[in-house]
Amino acid sequence: QKTIPPSARLQFAIDQSSTGKEATVLQLLSLAKDLPPSVECSNCGNVECLDGQGVVGIDKFTVGLKLRVNKSSAYWGGNGGPNAGKVHAVKSVNKNDNTVHTVDVTDGLQWCYIVYENIPTFRYGCI
C-alpha cells in the first residue's frame, strides 16, 4: 500500500489551480487528511521506496535486506555478469572491511564488497 506524502498532495493542489476543478480538489484534500500515515517500504524502510537505487553506506545494509546486483559496477563483470537478475539477501555485515555476507537463490553464501571503484555493488531489491 502506498500513500501520497503531504508535499505531493500540495503539488497536486497547486497543479489544479485555475483549472475549474478547485472545489473538487479541496474536497479530495479534505478526505486525504484522514488517510493513515505514510507506510514505509518493508525492505528499504523508506516512505518513498528506494527500489533499484544504489545502496550507499554500510549502515544501510541490514540483515534480511533484499538486494540486486548493480549492473553498473565492474565488480560483477560486464552488465552484472552471472549474478545479473539474482536476488540476494543480507545474512551478516562486516563493518571493518565494508563487506556483506549474502545468500542468493542459486549459489548460496558469499562475501561481497559494498563498493567497488567508488560505485555501489548492490541496488535495493524491494519489489
Protein backbone atom coordinates (compact mmCIF):
# COMPACT_ATOMS: atom_id res chain seq x y z
CA GLN A 1 0.00 0.00 0.00
CA LYS A 2 1.38 3.40 -0.95
CA THR A 3 0.12 6.68 0.41
CA ILE A 4 0.83 10.08 -1.04
CA PRO A 5 3.13 12.29 1.06
CA PRO A 6 1.89 15.78 2.06
CA SER A 7 4.33 17.51 -0.32
CA ALA A 8 2.83 15.63 -3.28
CA ARG A 9 -0.70 16.49 -2.12
CA LEU A 10 0.21 20.18 -2.05
CA GLN A 11 1.80 19.95 -5.50
CA PHE A 12 -1.38 18.28 -6.80
CA ALA A 13 -3.47 21.17 -5.46
CA ILE A 14 -1.13 23.75 -7.00
CA ASP A 15 -1.22 21.96 -10.36
CA GLN A 16 -5.04 22.11 -10.37
CA SER A 17 -5.16 25.86 -9.73
CA SER A 18 -7.14 27.76 -12.38
CA THR A 19 -8.46 24.57 -14.00
CA GLY A 20 -12.01 24.94 -12.74
CA LYS A 21 -11.54 21.87 -10.54
CA GLU A 22 -10.61 23.73 -7.37
CA ALA A 23 -13.73 22.71 -5.40
CA THR A 24 -13.19 19.03 -6.25
CA VAL A 25 -9.52 19.26 -5.30
CA LEU A 26 -10.44 20.83 -1.97
CA GLN A 27 -12.89 18.00 -1.27
CA LEU A 28 -10.25 15.38 -2.17
CA LEU A 29 -7.66 17.00 0.09
CA SER A 30 -10.13 17.15 2.97
CA LEU A 31 -10.67 13.39 2.57
CA ALA A 32 -6.92 12.77 2.33
CA LYS A 33 -6.32 14.25 5.79
CA ASP A 34 -7.99 11.15 7.24
CA LEU A 35 -5.69 8.72 5.43
CA PRO A 36 -3.32 6.65 7.56
CA PRO A 37 0.25 7.87 7.88
CA SER A 38 2.67 7.04 5.11
CA VAL A 39 3.77 3.42 5.05
CA GLU A 40 7.45 2.55 4.94
CA CYS A 41 8.75 0.01 2.44
CA SER A 42 9.15 -3.35 4.18
CA ASN A 43 12.59 -3.79 2.59
CA CYS A 44 14.45 -0.45 2.44
CA GLY A 45 12.49 1.19 5.26
CA ASN A 46 11.82 4.44 3.40
CA VAL A 47 8.43 6.03 2.81
CA GLU A 48 9.45 6.62 -0.80
CA CYS A 49 10.78 3.19 -1.79
CA LEU A 50 14.39 3.05 -2.97
CA ASP A 51 13.90 0.03 -5.25
CA GLY A 52 16.59 -0.03 -7.93
CA GLN A 53 18.74 2.68 -6.35
CA GLY A 54 22.30 2.01 -5.22
CA VAL A 55 22.77 1.03 -1.59
CA VAL A 56 25.26 3.56 -0.24
CA GLY A 57 26.89 3.20 3.18
CA ILE A 58 27.49 0.14 5.32
CA ASP A 59 24.83 1.33 7.79
CA LYS A 60 22.15 0.80 5.10
CA PHE A 61 22.88 -2.93 4.96
CA THR A 62 20.74 -4.76 7.50
CA VAL A 63 20.18 -8.47 7.97
CA GLY A 64 17.37 -9.58 5.65
CA LEU A 65 17.70 -6.64 3.22
CA LYS A 66 16.90 -7.81 -0.32
CA LEU A 67 19.38 -6.70 -2.95
CA ARG A 68 20.03 -6.91 -6.66
CA VAL A 69 23.38 -6.66 -8.38
CA ASN A 70 24.32 -3.18 -9.61
CA LYS A 71 24.97 -3.88 -13.28
CA SER A 72 26.91 -0.58 -13.47
CA SER A 73 29.56 -1.94 -11.11
CA ALA A 74 32.59 -3.65 -12.67
CA TYR A 75 32.74 -5.80 -9.51
CA TRP A 76 30.30 -8.26 -11.11
CA GLY A 77 31.75 -8.23 -14.62
CA GLY A 78 30.06 -6.90 -17.73
CA ASN A 79 26.40 -5.98 -17.24
CA GLY A 80 26.17 -7.80 -13.91
CA GLY A 81 27.91 -10.97 -15.09
CA PRO A 82 26.42 -14.29 -13.98
CA ASN A 83 24.89 -12.56 -10.93
CA ALA A 84 22.58 -10.35 -13.00
CA GLY A 85 18.97 -10.99 -12.16
CA LYS A 86 19.69 -12.84 -8.92
CA VAL A 87 18.12 -11.66 -5.70
CA HIS A 88 20.49 -11.52 -2.74
CA ALA A 89 19.60 -11.20 0.93
CA VAL A 90 21.99 -9.88 3.59
CA LYS A 91 22.92 -12.51 6.18
CA SER A 92 25.55 -10.51 8.09
CA VAL A 93 27.52 -7.28 7.84
CA ASN A 94 31.25 -6.73 8.45
CA LYS A 95 31.73 -3.02 9.14
CA ASN A 96 35.51 -3.41 9.49
CA ASP A 97 36.08 -4.11 5.81
CA ASN A 98 32.80 -2.89 4.25
CA THR A 99 31.60 -6.32 3.19
CA VAL A 100 28.29 -8.08 3.49
CA HIS A 101 27.59 -11.79 3.69
CA THR A 102 24.78 -12.50 1.27
CA VAL A 103 22.82 -15.51 0.10
CA ASP A 104 21.21 -15.81 -3.30
CA VAL A 105 18.73 -18.34 -4.52
CA THR A 106 21.17 -20.37 -6.63
CA ASP A 107 24.75 -20.15 -5.38
CA GLY A 108 24.42 -19.97 -1.63
CA LEU A 109 26.50 -17.76 0.64
CA GLN A 110 29.21 -15.31 -0.40
CA TRP A 111 31.04 -12.26 0.96
CA CYS A 112 30.74 -9.16 -1.22
CA TYR A 113 32.21 -5.68 -1.11
CA ILE A 114 29.58 -2.94 -0.92
CA VAL A 115 31.58 -0.54 -3.11
CA TYR A 116 33.97 -1.23 -5.98
CA GLU A 117 35.84 1.57 -7.76
CA ASN A 118 33.60 4.12 -5.97
CA ILE A 119 30.40 2.54 -7.36
CA PRO A 120 27.91 0.70 -5.12
CA THR A 121 27.91 -3.03 -5.89
CA PHE A 122 24.26 -3.53 -4.94
CA ARG A 123 20.89 -1.91 -5.59
CA TYR A 124 17.83 -2.18 -3.41
CA GLY A 125 15.63 -5.10 -4.48
CA CYS A 126 12.36 -4.04 -2.89
CA ILE A 127 9.75 -5.09 -5.42
